[in-house]
């Protein structure tokens, strides 16, 4: 199989957007408190995103963009793909 085959990569698993946020936090060596402050959210709200329990809405995506510089459309796309995958019965990789 080559990189140019029409077969797209379709895993049978999904990853929560919080994984991307956790990677960003780890890379920048931020605490949950600093992240929450930068996002104008409580620590509990950030933890809920990290745990996949809080949906990323447009407002949340904008707050994440302001804090991380990662575009809101990326956060919304990650959320959409995560929730769609769960609805399709894909396994959630924690």
N, C-alpha and C. Protein backbone atom coordinates (compact mmCIF):
# COMPACT_ATOMS: atom_id res chain seq x y z
N UNK A 1 0.84 -1.17 0.00
CA UNK A 1 0.00 0.00 0.00
C UNK A 1 0.89 1.24 0.00
N UNK A 2 0.57 2.20 -0.80
CA UNK A 2 1.34 3.44 -0.85
C UNK A 2 0.59 4.55 -0.13
N UNK A 3 1.27 5.64 0.09
CA UNK A 3 0.65 6.80 0.72
C UNK A 3 -0.43 7.42 -0.15
N UNK A 4 -0.48 7.05 -1.39
CA UNK A 4 -1.40 7.67 -2.33
C UNK A 4 -2.64 6.83 -2.61
N UNK A 5 -2.78 5.71 -1.90
CA UNK A 5 -3.98 4.90 -2.07
C UNK A 5 -5.18 5.68 -1.58
N UNK A 6 -6.34 5.35 -2.11
CA UNK A 6 -7.57 6.03 -1.73
C UNK A 6 -8.05 5.62 -0.34
N UNK A 7 -7.45 4.60 0.24
CA UNK A 7 -7.86 4.14 1.56
C UNK A 7 -7.38 5.12 2.63
N UNK A 8 -8.34 5.81 3.26
CA UNK A 8 -7.99 6.74 4.32
C UNK A 8 -7.83 5.96 5.63
N UNK A 9 -7.02 6.47 6.49
CA UNK A 9 -6.82 5.87 7.81
C UNK A 9 -8.09 6.06 8.61
N UNK A 10 -8.73 4.99 8.99
CA UNK A 10 -9.97 5.01 9.76
C UNK A 10 -9.81 4.12 10.99
N UNK A 11 -9.26 4.68 12.07
CA UNK A 11 -9.07 3.85 13.27
C UNK A 11 -10.40 3.47 13.89
N UNK A 12 -10.38 2.42 14.70
CA UNK A 12 -11.58 2.00 15.42
C UNK A 12 -11.58 2.56 16.84
N UNK A 13 -10.86 3.64 17.05
CA UNK A 13 -10.73 4.27 18.34
C UNK A 13 -10.76 5.79 18.19
N UNK A 14 -11.03 6.47 19.30
CA UNK A 14 -11.04 7.94 19.31
C UNK A 14 -10.22 8.43 20.49
N UNK A 15 -9.77 9.66 20.37
CA UNK A 15 -9.01 10.32 21.43
C UNK A 15 -9.75 11.62 21.76
N UNK A 16 -9.93 11.88 23.05
CA UNK A 16 -10.61 13.10 23.48
C UNK A 16 -9.73 14.33 23.20
N UNK A 17 -10.36 15.47 22.92
CA UNK A 17 -9.60 16.71 22.71
C UNK A 17 -8.73 17.06 23.91
N UNK A 18 -9.13 16.59 25.09
CA UNK A 18 -8.33 16.85 26.28
C UNK A 18 -6.93 16.29 26.18
N UNK A 19 -6.75 15.25 25.38
CA UNK A 19 -5.40 14.71 25.17
C UNK A 19 -4.49 15.74 24.52
N UNK A 20 -5.03 16.46 23.55
CA UNK A 20 -4.25 17.52 22.89
C UNK A 20 -3.93 18.62 23.88
N UNK A 21 -4.92 18.99 24.69
CA UNK A 21 -4.67 20.02 25.70
C UNK A 21 -3.63 19.54 26.70
N UNK A 22 -3.71 18.29 27.13
CA UNK A 22 -2.73 17.77 28.09
C UNK A 22 -1.33 17.78 27.50
N UNK A 23 -1.21 17.42 26.23
CA UNK A 23 0.11 17.46 25.58
C UNK A 23 0.64 18.88 25.55
N UNK A 24 -0.23 19.84 25.26
CA UNK A 24 0.18 21.25 25.22
C UNK A 24 0.63 21.70 26.61
N UNK A 25 -0.14 21.36 27.63
CA UNK A 25 0.21 21.72 29.01
C UNK A 25 1.56 21.12 29.39
N UNK A 26 1.75 19.86 29.08
CA UNK A 26 3.01 19.18 29.40
C UNK A 26 4.19 19.83 28.66
N UNK A 27 3.98 20.10 27.38
CA UNK A 27 5.05 20.69 26.58
C UNK A 27 5.47 22.06 27.10
N UNK A 28 4.50 22.84 27.58
CA UNK A 28 4.78 24.18 28.06
C UNK A 28 5.03 24.24 29.57
N UNK A 29 4.93 23.06 30.20
CA UNK A 29 5.20 22.93 31.64
C UNK A 29 4.32 23.86 32.47
N UNK A 30 3.04 23.90 32.09
CA UNK A 30 2.08 24.69 32.84
C UNK A 30 1.39 23.82 33.86
N UNK A 31 0.99 24.44 34.95
CA UNK A 31 0.17 23.75 35.94
C UNK A 31 -1.30 23.84 35.51
N UNK A 32 -2.14 23.06 36.15
CA UNK A 32 -3.58 23.17 35.88
C UNK A 32 -4.08 24.56 36.27
N UNK A 33 -3.54 25.10 37.35
CA UNK A 33 -3.95 26.42 37.80
C UNK A 33 -3.61 27.49 36.77
N UNK A 34 -2.40 27.43 36.23
CA UNK A 34 -1.99 28.42 35.24
C UNK A 34 -2.82 28.27 33.97
N UNK A 35 -3.09 27.04 33.59
CA UNK A 35 -3.91 26.79 32.40
C UNK A 35 -5.31 27.33 32.60
N UNK A 36 -5.90 27.03 33.75
CA UNK A 36 -7.25 27.50 34.04
C UNK A 36 -7.32 29.02 34.02
N UNK A 37 -6.34 29.66 34.63
CA UNK A 37 -6.30 31.12 34.67
C UNK A 37 -6.20 31.69 33.26
N UNK A 38 -5.32 31.12 32.44
CA UNK A 38 -5.14 31.60 31.07
C UNK A 38 -6.39 31.38 30.22
N UNK A 39 -7.14 30.33 30.54
CA UNK A 39 -8.36 30.00 29.78
C UNK A 39 -9.61 30.68 30.35
N UNK A 40 -9.44 31.40 31.45
CA UNK A 40 -10.59 32.02 32.12
C UNK A 40 -11.63 30.97 32.49
N UNK A 41 -11.13 29.88 33.06
CA UNK A 41 -11.97 28.77 33.51
C UNK A 41 -11.49 28.36 34.90
N UNK A 42 -12.31 27.56 35.55
CA UNK A 42 -11.89 26.99 36.83
C UNK A 42 -11.00 25.77 36.56
N UNK A 43 -10.26 25.37 37.58
CA UNK A 43 -9.45 24.16 37.46
C UNK A 43 -10.36 22.97 37.16
N UNK A 44 -11.52 22.93 37.80
CA UNK A 44 -12.46 21.84 37.56
C UNK A 44 -12.93 21.78 36.12
N UNK A 45 -13.14 22.93 35.51
CA UNK A 45 -13.56 22.95 34.10
C UNK A 45 -12.45 22.42 33.20
N UNK A 46 -11.22 22.80 33.48
CA UNK A 46 -10.09 22.31 32.69
C UNK A 46 -9.93 20.80 32.89
N UNK A 47 -10.07 20.35 34.13
CA UNK A 47 -9.98 18.92 34.40
C UNK A 47 -11.07 18.15 33.64
N UNK A 48 -12.26 18.72 33.57
CA UNK A 48 -13.35 18.06 32.84
C UNK A 48 -13.04 17.96 31.35
N UNK A 49 -12.37 18.96 30.79
CA UNK A 49 -11.94 18.88 29.39
C UNK A 49 -10.88 17.79 29.24
N UNK A 50 -9.92 17.77 30.15
CA UNK A 50 -8.86 16.76 30.09
C UNK A 50 -9.42 15.36 30.20
N UNK A 51 -10.48 15.21 30.99
CA UNK A 51 -11.11 13.89 31.19
C UNK A 51 -12.10 13.53 30.09
N UNK A 52 -12.39 14.46 29.19
CA UNK A 52 -13.36 14.20 28.12
C UNK A 52 -14.80 14.35 28.57
N UNK A 53 -15.01 14.90 29.76
CA UNK A 53 -16.35 15.05 30.31
C UNK A 53 -17.02 16.37 29.93
N UNK A 54 -16.24 17.34 29.50
CA UNK A 54 -16.81 18.63 29.11
C UNK A 54 -16.67 18.81 27.61
N UNK A 55 -17.77 19.12 26.98
CA UNK A 55 -17.76 19.37 25.54
C UNK A 55 -17.06 20.70 25.25
N UNK A 56 -16.37 20.72 24.14
CA UNK A 56 -15.74 21.96 23.70
C UNK A 56 -16.72 22.67 22.78
N UNK A 57 -17.30 23.72 23.30
CA UNK A 57 -18.22 24.57 22.55
C UNK A 57 -17.41 25.68 21.86
N UNK A 58 -18.08 26.50 21.10
CA UNK A 58 -17.39 27.63 20.46
C UNK A 58 -16.75 28.54 21.49
N UNK A 59 -17.46 28.80 22.58
CA UNK A 59 -16.92 29.66 23.63
C UNK A 59 -15.68 29.04 24.26
N UNK A 60 -15.75 27.77 24.57
CA UNK A 60 -14.59 27.07 25.17
C UNK A 60 -13.43 27.04 24.17
N UNK A 61 -13.73 26.77 22.90
CA UNK A 61 -12.68 26.74 21.87
C UNK A 61 -11.99 28.10 21.76
N UNK A 62 -12.75 29.18 21.86
CA UNK A 62 -12.16 30.52 21.82
C UNK A 62 -11.25 30.75 23.03
N UNK A 63 -11.68 30.29 24.21
CA UNK A 63 -10.86 30.43 25.41
C UNK A 63 -9.57 29.62 25.29
N UNK A 64 -9.69 28.41 24.74
CA UNK A 64 -8.50 27.59 24.55
C UNK A 64 -7.55 28.23 23.54
N UNK A 65 -8.10 28.83 22.50
CA UNK A 65 -7.27 29.53 21.52
C UNK A 65 -6.52 30.69 22.18
N UNK A 66 -7.24 31.48 22.98
CA UNK A 66 -6.60 32.61 23.65
C UNK A 66 -5.45 32.17 24.53
N UNK A 67 -5.59 31.03 25.18
CA UNK A 67 -4.56 30.55 26.10
C UNK A 67 -3.42 29.82 25.39
N UNK A 68 -3.75 29.04 24.35
CA UNK A 68 -2.74 28.16 23.75
C UNK A 68 -2.25 28.62 22.38
N UNK A 69 -3.05 29.41 21.69
CA UNK A 69 -2.71 29.78 20.32
C UNK A 69 -3.14 28.74 19.31
N UNK A 70 -3.70 27.64 19.78
CA UNK A 70 -4.21 26.60 18.87
C UNK A 70 -5.58 27.07 18.39
N UNK A 71 -5.79 27.14 17.08
CA UNK A 71 -7.02 27.72 16.54
C UNK A 71 -8.30 27.05 17.07
N UNK A 72 -9.31 27.86 17.29
CA UNK A 72 -10.59 27.37 17.79
C UNK A 72 -11.16 26.31 16.86
N UNK A 73 -10.98 26.48 15.55
CA UNK A 73 -11.54 25.51 14.61
C UNK A 73 -10.91 24.13 14.79
N UNK A 74 -9.65 24.08 15.23
CA UNK A 74 -9.02 22.79 15.50
C UNK A 74 -9.66 22.15 16.73
N UNK A 75 -9.87 22.92 17.80
CA UNK A 75 -10.52 22.39 19.00
C UNK A 75 -11.91 21.86 18.66
N UNK A 76 -12.65 22.62 17.87
CA UNK A 76 -14.01 22.20 17.51
C UNK A 76 -13.98 20.95 16.64
N UNK A 77 -13.01 20.85 15.76
CA UNK A 77 -12.88 19.65 14.93
C UNK A 77 -12.53 18.42 15.75
N UNK A 78 -11.62 18.60 16.71
CA UNK A 78 -11.27 17.49 17.60
C UNK A 78 -12.50 17.02 18.38
N UNK A 79 -13.27 17.99 18.88
CA UNK A 79 -14.48 17.65 19.63
C UNK A 79 -15.49 16.92 18.76
N UNK A 80 -15.71 17.44 17.57
CA UNK A 80 -16.68 16.83 16.64
C UNK A 80 -16.27 15.39 16.31
N UNK A 81 -15.00 15.19 15.99
CA UNK A 81 -14.52 13.85 15.64
C UNK A 81 -14.60 12.90 16.83
N UNK A 82 -14.31 13.41 18.01
CA UNK A 82 -14.37 12.59 19.22
C UNK A 82 -15.80 12.13 19.48
N UNK A 83 -16.73 13.06 19.51
CA UNK A 83 -18.13 12.72 19.81
C UNK A 83 -18.74 11.85 18.71
N UNK A 84 -18.41 12.13 17.45
CA UNK A 84 -18.91 11.32 16.34
C UNK A 84 -18.39 9.89 16.44
N UNK A 85 -17.11 9.76 16.76
CA UNK A 85 -16.52 8.43 16.91
C UNK A 85 -17.16 7.64 18.03
N UNK A 86 -17.41 8.30 19.16
CA UNK A 86 -18.08 7.62 20.27
C UNK A 86 -19.47 7.16 19.85
N UNK A 87 -20.19 8.01 19.13
CA UNK A 87 -21.54 7.68 18.67
C UNK A 87 -21.52 6.49 17.71
N UNK A 88 -20.41 6.32 16.99
CA UNK A 88 -20.27 5.21 16.06
C UNK A 88 -19.79 3.93 16.75
N UNK A 89 -19.58 4.02 18.05
CA UNK A 89 -19.16 2.84 18.82
C UNK A 89 -17.67 2.60 18.84
N UNK A 90 -16.89 3.60 18.47
CA UNK A 90 -15.45 3.42 18.51
C UNK A 90 -14.97 3.46 19.96
N UNK A 91 -13.88 2.78 20.20
CA UNK A 91 -13.31 2.72 21.54
C UNK A 91 -12.63 4.05 21.89
N UNK A 92 -12.77 4.46 23.12
CA UNK A 92 -12.13 5.68 23.62
C UNK A 92 -10.80 5.31 24.21
N UNK A 93 -9.72 5.79 23.62
CA UNK A 93 -8.37 5.54 24.10
C UNK A 93 -8.04 6.63 25.11
N UNK A 94 -7.87 6.22 26.38
CA UNK A 94 -7.53 7.18 27.45
C UNK A 94 -6.05 7.19 27.67
